[in-house]
Amino acid sequence: MDIAVDQAAGEFFRNRCHVGVSIAVVDHGQTHFYDYGSTSRSKAELPDPQSIYELASVTKTFTAALAARAVLDGRMHLDGDFRQSLPGDYRNLAWNGQPITLRTLLTHHAGMPRDIPDTDALFADKKSPDFNARMIALNQGFGREQLLAALHDTRPRSAPGQTEAYSNAGFLVIGLGLEKVDGQSFDRLLSQTITRPLGMTSTALTLDASARSRLVNAYDRYDRPAPYHQQNAGPAWGLYGSAQDMAKYVQWQLDERDPVVRLTHQVLQGDASDGEAMAWNLGRDQGQPMIWHGGGSYGMSSQVVLYPGQHEGVVLLANDACDGTEGALKAIAQAVHAHAPGR
């Protein structure tokens, strides 16, 4: 396994845009950590399993797990009118009377815009050198109250269940629903239900001073220092975490005896060979079921790849947002899986 990881990491760093990467491989209950590159372009400092990265859209899998718990407890329903879970009257969140549902939100089939506030114009020119600066400016001062207000003016762009369109806004809506049905803030719910029970002490929406000192530097596609995400990324892409913490998360996600885990991996759209579960992507690798989710922020990339049938999972966290980094991280996981002991 060490050789397989070294070879895959060497291939990754043939692209000199990459800066550093932390990897955790969980294999039949045993965790192996690997770190390469640097926490910064300005100094040679090897990351370690406690180094903290932005998890970016891997955050969505945490939100999905909280939603699965709410479904199992009867506080939410996969195919009910999700507007009933929202803090206010959002009759506008329907298409010709057909409401958004938890199923369509989790699988990006609700017809919701990519972001609130709307980022379509910015994503039309994502490779622009000032993309990050314009995104920061657009989201400046946009918090929970602004989201609730803007949501009243938001309408689905297609019939729920009809078209797949990636949406951070949909997961912010799920977060609002969770806060209402559970009667507490999203970050408190996350802590009580997932991170604290799993001992994930470095995973949170906000970092204290001690944790921030372990936060690696972020870099955009042009090798420039990049800003960290803003607070309103929340349930969609707002978590920070370390490889050490995420290994614990993977251990949990590989235990499909847990009803929450089992439900989050259930097919909601498509099929097990090419479909979506509760936030997770479903597919096959060498004929074996594979479950994964990646993420990208202004200056970091992430990937979690699970092979439940082999009790194996890989976490990969990188401090760059170069073209294709998410895919390159997934390729490392697949290469390691192909050469792991017993393959």
C-alpha atoms as a PDB file:
ATOM      1  CA  MET A   1       0.000   0.000   0.000  1.00  0.00           C
ATOM      2  CA  ASP A   2       2.828   2.427   0.844  1.00  0.00           C
ATOM      3  CA  ILE A   3       4.328   1.886  -2.605  1.00  0.00           C
ATOM      4  CA  ALA A   4       0.950   2.357  -4.293  1.00  0.00           C
ATOM      5  CA  VAL A   5       0.330   5.633  -2.462  1.00  0.00           C
ATOM      6  CA  ASP A   6       3.867   6.903  -3.179  1.00  0.00           C
ATOM      7  CA  GLN A   7       3.538   6.144  -6.868  1.00  0.00           C
ATOM      8  CA  ALA A   8       0.096   7.775  -7.136  1.00  0.00           C
ATOM      9  CA  ALA A   9       1.269  10.830  -5.205  1.00  0.00           C
ATOM     10  CA  GLY A  10       4.325  11.107  -7.449  1.00  0.00           C
ATOM     11  CA  GLU A  11       2.051  11.161 -10.486  1.00  0.00           C
ATOM     12  CA  PHE A  12      -0.105  13.825  -8.792  1.00  0.00           C
ATOM     13  CA  PHE A  13       2.868  16.118  -8.249  1.00  0.00           C
ATOM     14  CA  ARG A  14       3.953  15.920 -11.863  1.00  0.00           C
ATOM     15  CA  ASN A  15       1.506  18.792 -12.171  1.00  0.00           C
ATOM     16  CA  ARG A  16       3.524  21.574 -10.518  1.00  0.00           C
ATOM     17  CA  CYS A  17       0.380  23.535  -9.750  1.00  0.00           C
ATOM     18  CA  HIS A  18      -0.203  21.207  -6.789  1.00  0.00           C
ATOM     19  CA  VAL A  19       1.181  22.307  -3.415  1.00  0.00           C
ATOM     20  CA  GLY A  20       0.474  19.757  -0.700  1.00  0.00           C
ATOM     21  CA  VAL A  21      -1.784  16.800   0.033  1.00  0.00           C
ATOM     22  CA  SER A  22      -2.774  14.791   3.091  1.00  0.00           C
ATOM     23  CA  ILE A  23      -4.121  11.277   2.596  1.00  0.00           C
ATOM     24  CA  ALA A  24      -5.761   8.793   4.932  1.00  0.00           C
ATOM     25  CA  VAL A  25      -6.379   5.230   3.798  1.00  0.00           C
ATOM     26  CA  VAL A  26      -8.767   3.164   5.917  1.00  0.00           C
ATOM     27  CA  ASP A  27      -8.473  -0.558   5.221  1.00  0.00           C
ATOM     28  CA  HIS A  28     -10.414  -3.092   7.292  1.00  0.00           C
ATOM     29  CA  GLY A  29     -10.407  -0.844  10.344  1.00  0.00           C
ATOM     30  CA  GLN A  30      -6.748   0.151  10.094  1.00  0.00           C
ATOM     31  CA  THR A  31      -5.805   3.713   9.164  1.00  0.00           C
ATOM     32  CA  HIS A  32      -2.646   4.713   7.293  1.00  0.00           C
ATOM     33  CA  PHE A  33      -1.659   8.376   6.902  1.00  0.00           C
ATOM     34  CA  TYR A  34       0.478   9.902   4.142  1.00  0.00           C
ATOM     35  CA  ASP A  35       1.518  13.513   3.621  1.00  0.00           C
ATOM     36  CA  TYR A  36       3.332  15.136   0.704  1.00  0.00           C
ATOM     37  CA  GLY A  37       4.336  18.569  -0.527  1.00  0.00           C
ATOM     38  CA  SER A  38       3.984  21.610   1.682  1.00  0.00           C
ATOM     39  CA  THR A  39       1.480  23.596   3.711  1.00  0.00           C
ATOM     40  CA  SER A  40       2.744  26.726   1.946  1.00  0.00           C
ATOM     41  CA  ARG A  41       4.491  27.823  -1.229  1.00  0.00           C
ATOM     42  CA  SER A  42       6.620  30.239   0.764  1.00  0.00           C
ATOM     43  CA  LYS A  43       8.299  27.580   2.937  1.00  0.00           C
ATOM     44  CA  ALA A  44       8.959  23.850   2.900  1.00  0.00           C
ATOM     45  CA  GLU A  45       6.673  22.557   5.638  1.00  0.00           C
ATOM     46  CA  LEU A  46       5.298  19.051   5.282  1.00  0.00           C
ATOM     47  CA  PRO A  47       1.617  18.743   6.268  1.00  0.00           C
ATOM     48  CA  ASP A  48       0.664  16.089   8.798  1.00  0.00           C
ATOM     49  CA  PRO A  49      -2.555  14.243   9.725  1.00  0.00           C
ATOM     50  CA  GLN A  50      -3.523  17.119  12.058  1.00  0.00           C
ATOM     51  CA  SER A  51      -3.142  19.779   9.355  1.00  0.00           C
ATOM     52  CA  ILE A  52      -6.494  21.441   8.687  1.00  0.00           C
ATOM     53  CA  TYR A  53      -7.976  21.958   5.232  1.00  0.00           C
ATOM     54  CA  GLU A  54     -11.280  23.187   3.856  1.00  0.00           C
ATOM     55  CA  LEU A  55     -13.489  20.173   3.209  1.00  0.00           C
ATOM     56  CA  ALA A  56     -15.465  22.196   0.647  1.00  0.00           C
ATOM     57  CA  SER A  57     -18.428  20.272  -0.809  1.00  0.00           C
ATOM     58  CA  VAL A  58     -17.603  17.093   1.109  1.00  0.00           C
ATOM     59  CA  THR A  59     -19.550  19.091   3.726  1.00  0.00           C
ATOM     60  CA  LYS A  60     -22.705  18.059   1.846  1.00  0.00           C
ATOM     61  CA  THR A  61     -22.266  14.455   3.003  1.00  0.00           C
ATOM     62  CA  PHE A  62     -22.417  15.624   6.629  1.00  0.00           C
ATOM     63  CA  THR A  63     -25.596  17.586   5.888  1.00  0.00           C
ATOM     64  CA  ALA A  64     -27.024  14.490   4.213  1.00  0.00           C
ATOM     65  CA  ALA A  65     -26.224  12.370   7.277  1.00  0.00           C
ATOM     66  CA  LEU A  66     -28.105  14.817   9.497  1.00  0.00           C
ATOM     67  CA  ALA A  67     -31.030  14.695   7.075  1.00  0.00           C
ATOM     68  CA  ALA A  68     -30.960  10.880   7.122  1.00  0.00           C
ATOM     69  CA  ARG A  69     -31.176  10.942  10.891  1.00  0.00           C
ATOM     70  CA  ALA A  70     -34.157  13.305  10.690  1.00  0.00           C
ATOM     71  CA  VAL A  71     -35.856  10.937   8.206  1.00  0.00           C
ATOM     72  CA  LEU A  72     -35.278   7.908  10.420  1.00  0.00           C
ATOM     73  CA  ASP A  73     -36.675   9.824  13.400  1.00  0.00           C
ATOM     74  CA  GLY A  74     -39.755  10.862  11.393  1.00  0.00           C
ATOM     75  CA  ARG A  75     -38.996  14.592  11.446  1.00  0.00           C
ATOM     76  CA  MET A  76     -38.364  14.745   7.685  1.00  0.00           C
ATOM     77  CA  HIS A  77     -39.599  12.753   4.704  1.00  0.00           C
ATOM     78  CA  LEU A  78     -37.729  12.038   1.491  1.00  0.00           C
ATOM     79  CA  ASP A  79     -40.698  12.715  -0.767  1.00  0.00           C
ATOM     80  CA  GLY A  80     -42.841  15.068   1.266  1.00  0.00           C
ATOM     81  CA  ASP A  81     -43.265  18.805   0.623  1.00  0.00           C
ATOM     82  CA  PHE A  82     -39.986  20.148   1.982  1.00  0.00           C
ATOM     83  CA  ARG A  83     -41.450  23.632   2.333  1.00  0.00           C
ATOM     84  CA  GLN A  84     -43.187  22.387   5.490  1.00  0.00           C
ATOM     85  CA  SER A  85     -39.752  22.025   7.092  1.00  0.00           C
ATOM     86  CA  LEU A  86     -38.751  25.636   6.389  1.00  0.00           C
ATOM     87  CA  PRO A  87     -38.999  28.562   8.816  1.00  0.00           C
ATOM     88  CA  GLY A  88     -41.602  30.574   6.914  1.00  0.00           C
ATOM     89  CA  ASP A  89     -44.007  30.494   4.009  1.00  0.00           C
ATOM     90  CA  TYR A  90     -42.090  29.565   0.864  1.00  0.00           C
ATOM     91  CA  ARG A  91     -44.928  28.708  -1.490  1.00  0.00           C
ATOM     92  CA  ASN A  92     -42.656  30.012  -4.289  1.00  0.00           C
ATOM     93  CA  LEU A  93     -40.447  26.896  -4.005  1.00  0.00           C
ATOM     94  CA  ALA A  94     -42.597  24.867  -6.370  1.00  0.00           C
ATOM     95  CA  TRP A  95     -43.009  24.348 -10.127  1.00  0.00           C
ATOM     96  CA  ASN A  96     -46.625  24.440 -11.277  1.00  0.00           C
ATOM     97  CA  GLY A  97     -47.667  23.324  -7.830  1.00  0.00           C
ATOM     98  CA  GLN A  98     -45.023  20.582  -7.578  1.00  0.00           C
ATOM     99  CA  PRO A  99     -42.914  21.309  -4.481  1.00  0.00           C
ATOM    100  CA  ILE A 100     -39.251  20.686  -3.849  1.00  0.00           C
ATOM    101  CA  THR A 101     -38.559  17.568  -1.775  1.00  0.00           C
ATOM    102  CA  LEU A 102     -35.669  16.316   0.303  1.00  0.00           C
ATOM    103  CA  ARG A 103     -34.941  13.679  -2.348  1.00  0.00           C
ATOM    104  CA  THR A 104     -34.650  16.273  -5.131  1.00  0.00           C
ATOM    105  CA  LEU A 105     -32.563  18.620  -2.977  1.00  0.00           C
ATOM    106  CA  LEU A 106     -30.100  15.884  -1.992  1.00  0.00           C
ATOM    107  CA  THR A 107     -29.600  14.753  -5.604  1.00  0.00           C
ATOM    108  CA  HIS A 108     -29.437  18.233  -7.192  1.00  0.00           C
ATOM    109  CA  HIS A 109     -32.746  17.642  -9.002  1.00  0.00           C
ATOM    110  CA  ALA A 110     -34.824  20.315  -7.226  1.00  0.00           C
ATOM    111  CA  GLY A 111     -34.374  22.967  -9.913  1.00  0.00           C
ATOM    112  CA  MET A 112     -32.653  25.277  -7.442  1.00  0.00           C
ATOM    113  CA  PRO A 113     -30.036  27.797  -8.654  1.00  0.00           C
ATOM    114  CA  ARG A 114     -26.390  26.984  -8.097  1.00  0.00           C
ATOM    115  CA  ASP A 115     -26.018  29.610  -5.387  1.00  0.00           C
ATOM    116  CA  ILE A 116     -27.877  32.278  -3.459  1.00  0.00           C
ATOM    117  CA  PRO A 117     -26.910  35.022  -4.187  1.00  0.00           C
ATOM    118  CA  ASP A 118     -26.882  33.992  -7.856  1.00  0.00           C
ATOM    119  CA  THR A 119     -23.387  33.217  -9.179  1.00  0.00           C
ATOM    120  CA  ASP A 120     -24.303  32.136 -12.716  1.00  0.00           C
ATOM    121  CA  ALA A 121     -22.655  35.165 -14.322  1.00  0.00           C
ATOM    122  CA  LEU A 122     -19.431  34.534 -12.407  1.00  0.00           C
ATOM    123  CA  PHE A 123     -19.313  30.805 -13.189  1.00  0.00           C
ATOM    124  CA  ALA A 124     -19.755  31.582 -16.861  1.00  0.00           C
ATOM    125  CA  ASP A 125     -16.179  32.869 -16.660  1.00  0.00           C
ATOM    126  CA  LYS A 126     -14.790  30.764 -13.823  1.00  0.00           C
ATOM    127  CA  LYS A 127     -11.218  30.914 -15.150  1.00  0.00           C
ATOM    128  CA  SER A 128     -11.131  34.690 -14.891  1.00  0.00           C
ATOM    129  CA  PRO A 129      -8.187  35.818 -12.694  1.00  0.00           C
ATOM    130  CA  ASP A 130     -10.565  37.924 -10.575  1.00  0.00           C
ATOM    131  CA  PHE A 131     -13.145  35.139 -10.043  1.00  0.00           C
ATOM    132  CA  ASN A 132     -12.361  34.684  -6.331  1.00  0.00           C
ATOM    133  CA  ALA A 133     -12.395  38.418  -5.642  1.00  0.00           C
ATOM    134  CA  ARG A 134     -15.765  38.811  -7.352  1.00  0.00           C
ATOM    135  CA  MET A 135     -17.213  35.867  -5.442  1.00  0.00           C
ATOM    136  CA  ILE A 136     -16.024  37.329  -2.149  1.00  0.00           C
ATOM    137  CA  ALA A 137     -17.533  40.713  -3.022  1.00  0.00           C
ATOM    138  CA  LEU A 138     -20.863  39.165  -4.030  1.00  0.00           C
ATOM    139  CA  ASN A 139     -21.169  37.268  -0.741  1.00  0.00           C
ATOM    140  CA  GLN A 140     -19.944  40.069   1.511  1.00  0.00           C
ATOM    141  CA  GLY A 141     -22.369  40.497   4.406  1.00  0.00           C
ATOM    142  CA  PHE A 142     -24.715  37.797   3.100  1.00  0.00           C
ATOM    143  CA  GLY A 143     -25.720  35.712   6.097  1.00  0.00           C
ATOM    144  CA  ARG A 144     -28.648  33.661   7.346  1.00  0.00           C
ATOM    145  CA  GLU A 145     -31.172  36.506   7.440  1.00  0.00           C
ATOM    146  CA  GLN A 146     -30.230  37.597   3.926  1.00  0.00           C
ATOM    147  CA  LEU A 147     -30.609  33.987   2.744  1.00  0.00           C
ATOM    148  CA  LEU A 148     -34.085  33.690   4.258  1.00  0.00           C
ATOM    149  CA  ALA A 149     -35.140  36.924   2.560  1.00  0.00           C
ATOM    150  CA  ALA A 150     -33.634  36.012  -0.810  1.00  0.00           C
ATOM    151  CA  LEU A 151     -35.248  32.586  -0.683  1.00  0.00           C
ATOM    152  CA  HIS A 152     -38.676  34.253  -0.965  1.00  0.00           C
ATOM    153  CA  ASP A 153     -37.646  35.507  -4.416  1.00  0.00           C
ATOM    154  CA  THR A 154     -36.217  32.158  -5.551  1.00  0.00           C
ATOM    155  CA  ARG A 155     -38.136  29.845  -7.836  1.00  0.00           C
ATOM    156  CA  PRO A 156     -37.190  26.442  -9.251  1.00  0.00           C
ATOM    157  CA  ARG A 157     -35.750  26.663 -12.751  1.00  0.00           C
ATOM    158  CA  SER A 158     -37.153  23.275 -13.715  1.00  0.00           C
ATOM    159  CA  ALA A 159     -39.699  20.812 -12.356  1.00  0.00           C
ATOM    160  CA  PRO A 160     -38.373  19.062  -9.229  1.00  0.00           C
ATOM    161  CA  GLY A 161     -37.059  15.642 -10.196  1.00  0.00           C
ATOM    162  CA  GLN A 162     -36.684  16.492 -13.868  1.00  0.00           C
ATOM    163  CA  THR A 163     -33.194  17.915 -14.406  1.00  0.00           C
ATOM    164  CA  GLU A 164     -29.890  17.551 -12.560  1.00  0.00           C
ATOM    165  CA  ALA A 165     -28.255  20.924 -11.857  1.00  0.00           C
ATOM    166  CA  TYR A 166     -25.584  21.209  -9.161  1.00  0.00           C
ATOM    167  CA  SER A 167     -26.816  23.420  -6.347  1.00  0.00           C
ATOM    168  CA  ASN A 168     -25.152  24.688  -3.197  1.00  0.00           C
ATOM    169  CA  ALA A 169     -28.371  26.611  -2.541  1.00  0.00           C
ATOM    170  CA  GLY A 170     -30.277  23.337  -2.229  1.00  0.00           C
ATOM    171  CA  PHE A 171     -28.066  22.220   0.652  1.00  0.00           C
ATOM    172  CA  LEU A 172     -28.410  25.592   2.373  1.00  0.00           C
ATOM    173  CA  VAL A 173     -32.167  24.989   2.202  1.00  0.00           C
ATOM    174  CA  ILE A 174     -31.695  21.523   3.758  1.00  0.00           C
ATOM    175  CA  GLY A 175     -29.685  23.202   6.530  1.00  0.00           C
ATOM    176  CA  LEU A 176     -32.528  25.633   7.225  1.00  0.00           C
ATOM    177  CA  GLY A 177     -34.942  22.722   7.383  1.00  0.00           C
ATOM    178  CA  LEU A 178     -32.744  20.806   9.810  1.00  0.00           C
ATOM    179  CA  GLU A 179     -32.528  23.837  12.084  1.00  0.00           C
ATOM    180  CA  LYS A 180     -36.310  24.097  12.182  1.00  0.00           C
ATOM    181  CA  VAL A 181     -37.169  20.433  12.740  1.00  0.00           C
ATOM    182  CA  ASP A 182     -34.391  19.959  15.318  1.00  0.00           C
ATOM    183  CA  GLY A 183     -34.815  23.321  17.031  1.00  0.00           C
ATOM    184  CA  GLN A 184     -31.125  24.190  17.148  1.00  0.00           C
ATOM    185  CA  SER A 185     -28.414  25.716  14.984  1.00  0.00           C
ATOM    186  CA  PHE A 186     -26.795  23.657  12.249  1.00  0.00           C
ATOM    187  CA  ASP A 187     -23.335  23.811  13.810  1.00  0.00           C
ATOM    188  CA  ARG A 188     -24.650  22.668  17.197  1.00  0.00           C
ATOM    189  CA  LEU A 189     -26.600  19.844  15.566  1.00  0.00           C
ATOM    190  CA  LEU A 190     -23.476  18.812  13.637  1.00  0.00           C
ATOM    191  CA  SER A 191     -21.397  18.777  16.800  1.00  0.00           C
ATOM    192  CA  GLN A 192     -23.895  16.835  18.898  1.00  0.00           C
ATOM    193  CA  THR A 193     -24.751  14.274  16.238  1.00  0.00           C
ATOM    194  CA  ILE A 194     -21.549  13.638  14.264  1.00  0.00           C
ATOM    195  CA  THR A 195     -18.296  15.334  15.169  1.00  0.00           C
ATOM    196  CA  ARG A 196     -18.366  14.999  18.955  1.00  0.00           C
ATOM    197  CA  PRO A 197     -19.521  11.338  19.045  1.00  0.00           C
ATOM    198  CA  LEU A 198     -16.853  10.441  16.467  1.00  0.00           C
ATOM    199  CA  GLY A 199     -14.123  12.411  18.279  1.00  0.00           C
ATOM    200  CA  MET A 200     -13.610  14.755  15.335  1.00  0.00           C
ATOM    201  CA  THR A 201     -12.127  17.595  17.367  1.00  0.00           C
ATOM    202  CA  SER A 202     -10.797  19.580  14.389  1.00  0.00           C
ATOM    203  CA  THR A 203     -13.937  19.534  12.224  1.00  0.00           C
ATOM    204  CA  ALA A 204     -16.168  22.610  12.401  1.00  0.00           C
ATOM    205  CA  LEU A 205     -17.687  25.523  10.504  1.00  0.00           C
ATOM    206  CA  THR A 206     -15.472  27.934  12.454  1.00  0.00           C
ATOM    207  CA  LEU A 207     -12.013  27.365  13.909  1.00  0.00           C
ATOM    208  CA  ASP A 208     -10.646  28.523  17.238  1.00  0.00           C
ATOM    209  CA  ALA A 209      -7.180  30.066  17.465  1.00  0.00           C
ATOM    210  CA  SER A 210      -5.479  26.742  18.163  1.00  0.00           C
ATOM    211  CA  ALA A 211      -7.064  25.017  15.182  1.00  0.00           C
ATOM    212  CA  ARG A 212      -6.470  28.004  12.910  1.00  0.00           C
ATOM    213  CA  SER A 213      -2.738  27.708  13.573  1.00  0.00           C
ATOM    214  CA  ARG A 214      -2.894  24.292  11.845  1.00  0.00           C
ATOM    215  CA  LEU A 215      -4.802  25.595   8.819  1.00  0.00           C
ATOM    216  CA  VAL A 216      -2.753  25.170   5.654  1.00  0.00           C
ATOM    217  CA  ASN A 217      -2.413  27.967   3.102  1.00  0.00           C
ATOM    218  CA  ALA A 218      -4.718  27.923   0.080  1.00  0.00           C
ATOM    219  CA  TYR A 219      -3.778  28.572  -3.573  1.00  0.00           C
ATOM    220  CA  ASP A 220      -5.865  29.268  -6.667  1.00  0.00           C
ATOM    221  CA  ARG A 221      -5.401  27.919 -10.204  1.00  0.00           C
ATOM    222  CA  TYR A 222      -2.833  30.657 -10.866  1.00  0.00           C
ATOM    223  CA  ASP A 223      -0.585  29.641  -7.914  1.00  0.00           C
ATOM    224  CA  ARG A 224      -1.689  32.733  -6.000  1.00  0.00           C
ATOM    225  CA  PRO A 225      -2.682  32.755  -2.313  1.00  0.00           C
ATOM    226  CA  ALA A 226      -6.435  32.273  -2.137  1.00  0.00           C
ATOM    227  CA  PRO A 227      -8.973  33.350   0.492  1.00  0.00           C
ATOM    228  CA  TYR A 228     -10.797  30.815   2.639  1.00  0.00           C
ATOM    229  CA  HIS A 229     -14.529  30.383   2.142  1.00  0.00           C
ATOM    230  CA  GLN A 230     -16.979  32.763   3.776  1.00  0.00           C
ATOM    231  CA  GLN A 231     -19.220  31.866   6.680  1.00  0.00           C
ATOM    232  CA  ASN A 232     -22.335  31.593   4.520  1.00  0.00           C
ATOM    233  CA  ALA A 233     -20.905  28.485   2.795  1.00  0.00           C
ATOM    234  CA  GLY A 234     -22.440  26.657   5.773  1.00  0.00           C
ATOM    235  CA  PRO A 235     -24.135  23.272   5.155  1.00  0.00           C
ATOM    236  CA  ALA A 236     -23.143  23.331   1.469  1.00  0.00           C
ATOM    237  CA  TRP A 237     -19.354  23.698   1.574  1.00  0.00           C
ATOM    238  CA  GLY A 238     -18.357  25.370   4.839  1.00  0.00           C
ATOM    239  CA  LEU A 239     -16.571  22.735   6.939  1.00  0.00           C
ATOM    240  CA  TYR A 240     -12.908  22.606   7.912  1.00  0.00           C
ATOM    241  CA  GLY A 241     -11.264  19.331   8.899  1.00  0.00           C
ATOM    242  CA  SER A 242      -8.086  17.262   9.073  1.00  0.00           C
ATOM    243  CA  ALA A 243      -7.123  13.921   7.556  1.00  0.00           C
ATOM    244  CA  GLN A 244      -7.020  12.496  11.058  1.00  0.00           C
ATOM    245  CA  ASP A 245     -10.633  13.534  11.700  1.00  0.00           C
ATOM    246  CA  MET A 246     -11.811  12.478   8.263  1.00  0.00           C
ATOM    247  CA  ALA A 247     -10.366   8.998   8.773  1.00  0.00           C
ATOM    248  CA  LYS A 248     -12.788   8.653  11.701  1.00  0.00           C
ATOM    249  CA  TYR A 249     -15.593   9.862   9.467  1.00  0.00           C
ATOM    250  CA  VAL A 250     -14.668   7.275   6.829  1.00  0.00           C
ATOM    251  CA  GLN A 251     -14.581   4.521   9.454  1.00  0.00           C
ATOM    252  CA  TRP A 252     -18.166   5.474  10.298  1.00  0.00           C
ATOM    253  CA  GLN A 253     -19.238   5.733   6.653  1.00  0.00           C
ATOM    254  CA  LEU A 254     -17.922   2.213   6.004  1.00  0.00           C
ATOM    255  CA  ASP A 255     -20.155   0.758   8.720  1.00  0.00           C
ATOM    256  CA  GLU A 256     -23.392   0.159   6.834  1.00  0.00           C
ATOM    257  CA  ARG A 257     -24.847  -1.594   9.870  1.00  0.00           C
ATOM    258  CA  ASP A 258     -25.514   1.950  11.110  1.00  0.00           C
ATOM    259  CA  PRO A 259     -29.005   2.910   9.877  1.00  0.00           C
ATOM    260  CA  VAL A 260     -27.973   6.518   9.173  1.00  0.00           C
ATOM    261  CA  VAL A 261     -25.036   5.406   7.037  1.00  0.00           C
ATOM    262  CA  ARG A 262     -27.124   2.762   5.298  1.00  0.00           C
ATOM    263  CA  LEU A 263     -29.802   5.315   4.386  1.00  0.00           C
ATOM    264  CA  THR A 264     -27.308   7.913   3.133  1.00  0.00           C
ATOM    265  CA  HIS A 265     -25.891   5.315   0.710  1.00  0.00           C
ATOM    266  CA  GLN A 266     -29.329   4.285  -0.595  1.00  0.00           C
ATOM    267  CA  VAL A 267     -30.006   4.918  -4.288  1.00  0.00           C
ATOM    268  CA  LEU A 268     -32.231   7.986  -4.729  1.00  0.00           C
ATOM    269  CA  GLN A 269     -31.642   8.700  -8.416  1.00  0.00           C
ATOM    270  CA  GLY A 270     -30.393   6.413 -11.180  1.00  0.00           C
ATOM    271  CA  ASP A 271     -28.933   3.116  -9.980  1.00  0.00           C
ATOM    272  CA  ALA A 272     -26.005   1.736  -7.989  1.00  0.00           C
ATOM    273  CA  SER A 273     -23.780   1.711 -11.077  1.00  0.00           C
ATOM    274  CA  ASP A 274     -24.466   5.322 -12.036  1.00  0.00           C
ATOM    275  CA  GLY A 275     -26.592   7.280  -9.639  1.00  0.00           C
ATOM    276  CA  GLU A 276     -26.938   9.498  -6.607  1.00  0.00           C
ATOM    277  CA  ALA A 277     -27.572   8.699  -2.992  1.00  0.00           C
ATOM    278  CA  MET A 278     -28.037  11.246  -0.206  1.00  0.00           C
ATOM    279  CA  ALA A 279     -25.376  13.659  -1.537  1.00  0.00           C
ATOM    280  CA  TRP A 280     -23.022  10.775  -2.393  1.00  0.00           C
ATOM    281  CA  ASN A 281     -22.226   9.741  -5.983  1.00  0.00           C
ATOM    282  CA  LEU A 282     -22.653   6.054  -6.811  1.00  0.00           C
ATOM    283  CA  GLY A 283     -20.642   4.064  -9.324  1.00  0.00           C
ATOM    284  CA  ARG A 284     -18.337   1.098  -9.832  1.00  0.00           C
ATOM    285  CA  ASP A 285     -14.590   0.637  -9.920  1.00  0.00           C
ATOM    286  CA  GLN A 286     -13.245  -2.651 -11.255  1.00  0.00           C
ATOM    287  CA  GLY A 287     -16.761  -4.037 -10.910  1.00  0.00           C
ATOM    288  CA  GLN A 288     -16.981  -3.113  -7.227  1.00  0.00           C
ATOM    289  CA  PRO A 289     -19.406  -0.565  -5.724  1.00  0.00           C
ATOM    290  CA  MET A 290     -17.780   2.824  -5.203  1.00  0.00           C
ATOM    291  CA  ILE A 291     -19.259   5.793  -3.329  1.00  0.00           C
ATOM    292  CA  TRP A 292     -17.618   9.201  -3.468  1.00  0.00           C
ATOM    293  CA  HIS A 293     -17.876  12.954  -3.109  1.00  0.00           C
ATOM    294  CA  GLY A 294     -15.396  15.682  -3.969  1.00  0.00           C
ATOM    295  CA  GLY A 295     -15.145  19.361  -3.227  1.00  0.00           C
ATOM    296  CA  GLY A 296     -13.427  22.532  -4.274  1.00  0.00           C
ATOM    297  CA  SER A 297     -13.160  25.964  -2.705  1.00  0.00           C
ATOM    298  CA  TYR A 298     -11.297  29.125  -3.705  1.00  0.00           C
ATOM    299  CA  GLY A 299      -7.973  27.475  -2.952  1.00  0.00           C
ATOM    300  CA  MET A 300      -8.445  23.869  -1.806  1.00  0.00           C
ATOM    301  CA  SER A 301      -9.757  20.561  -3.101  1.00  0.00           C
ATOM    302  CA  SER A 302     -11.018  17.416  -1.394  1.00  0.00           C
ATOM    303  CA  GLN A 303     -12.164  13.897  -2.160  1.00  0.00           C
ATOM    304  CA  VAL A 304     -13.600  11.006  -0.154  1.00  0.00           C
ATOM    305  CA  VAL A 305     -13.885   7.632  -1.883  1.00  0.00           C
ATOM    306  CA  LEU A 306     -15.539   4.621  -0.229  1.00  0.00           C
ATOM    307  CA  TYR A 307     -15.451   0.931  -1.154  1.00  0.00           C
ATOM    308  CA  PRO A 308     -17.929  -0.525   1.357  1.00  0.00           C
ATOM    309  CA  GLY A 309     -17.685  -4.058  -0.032  1.00  0.00           C
ATOM    310  CA  GLN A 310     -13.938  -4.097   0.666  1.00  0.00           C
ATOM    311  CA  HIS A 311     -14.193  -2.138   3.952  1.00  0.00           C
ATOM    312  CA  GLU A 312     -11.889   0.429   2.404  1.00  0.00           C
ATOM    313  CA  GLY A 313     -11.997   4.210   2.091  1.00  0.00           C
ATOM    314  CA  VAL A 314      -9.633   7.019   1.156  1.00  0.00           C
ATOM    315  CA  VAL A 315      -9.590  10.683   2.220  1.00  0.00           C
ATOM    316  CA  LEU A 316      -7.566  13.159   0.167  1.00  0.00           C
ATOM    317  CA  LEU A 317      -7.156  16.834   1.066  1.00  0.00           C
ATOM    318  CA  ALA A 318      -5.150  19.275  -1.073  1.00  0.00           C
ATOM    319  CA  ASN A 319      -4.363  22.972  -0.675  1.00  0.00           C
ATOM    320  CA  ASP A 320      -4.824  23.983  -4.296  1.00  0.00           C
ATOM    321  CA  ALA A 321      -7.744  24.686  -6.634  1.00  0.00           C
ATOM    322  CA  CYS A 322      -5.967  23.904  -9.900  1.00  0.00           C
ATOM    323  CA  ASP A 323      -7.778  22.604 -12.958  1.00  0.00           C
ATOM    324  CA  GLY A 324      -8.672  18.957 -12.410  1.00  0.00           C
ATOM    325  CA  THR A 325      -7.462  18.599  -8.811  1.00  0.00           C
ATOM    326  CA  GLU A 326     -10.647  16.890  -7.604  1.00  0.00           C
ATOM    327  CA  GLY A 327     -10.369  14.338 -10.394  1.00  0.00           C
ATOM    328  CA  ALA A 328      -6.654  13.834  -9.727  1.00  0.00           C
ATOM    329  CA  LEU A 329      -7.381  13.132  -6.051  1.00  0.00           C
ATOM    330  CA  LYS A 330     -10.028  10.581  -7.012  1.00  0.00           C
ATOM    331  CA  ALA A 331      -7.481   8.961  -9.354  1.00  0.00           C
ATOM    332  CA  ILE A 332      -5.078   8.558  -6.411  1.00  0.00           C
ATOM    333  CA  ALA A 333      -7.806   6.785  -4.432  1.00  0.00           C
ATOM    334  CA  GLN A 334      -8.576   4.464  -7.338  1.00  0.00           C
ATOM    335  CA  ALA A 335      -4.896   3.684  -7.893  1.00  0.00           C
ATOM    336  CA  VAL A 336      -4.433   2.858  -4.222  1.00  0.00           C
ATOM    337  CA  HIS A 337      -7.532   0.676  -4.255  1.00  0.00           C
ATOM    338  CA  ALA A 338      -6.308  -1.210  -7.314  1.00  0.00           C
ATOM    339  CA  HIS A 339      -2.985  -2.048  -5.652  1.00  0.00           C
ATOM    340  CA  ALA A 340      -4.061  -2.467  -2.051  1.00  0.00           C
ATOM    341  CA  PRO A 341      -3.153  -5.736  -0.314  1.00  0.00           C
ATOM    342  CA  GLY A 342      -5.469  -8.541  -1.370  1.00  0.00           C
ATOM    343  CA  ARG A 343      -6.444  -7.013  -4.741  1.00  0.00           C
END
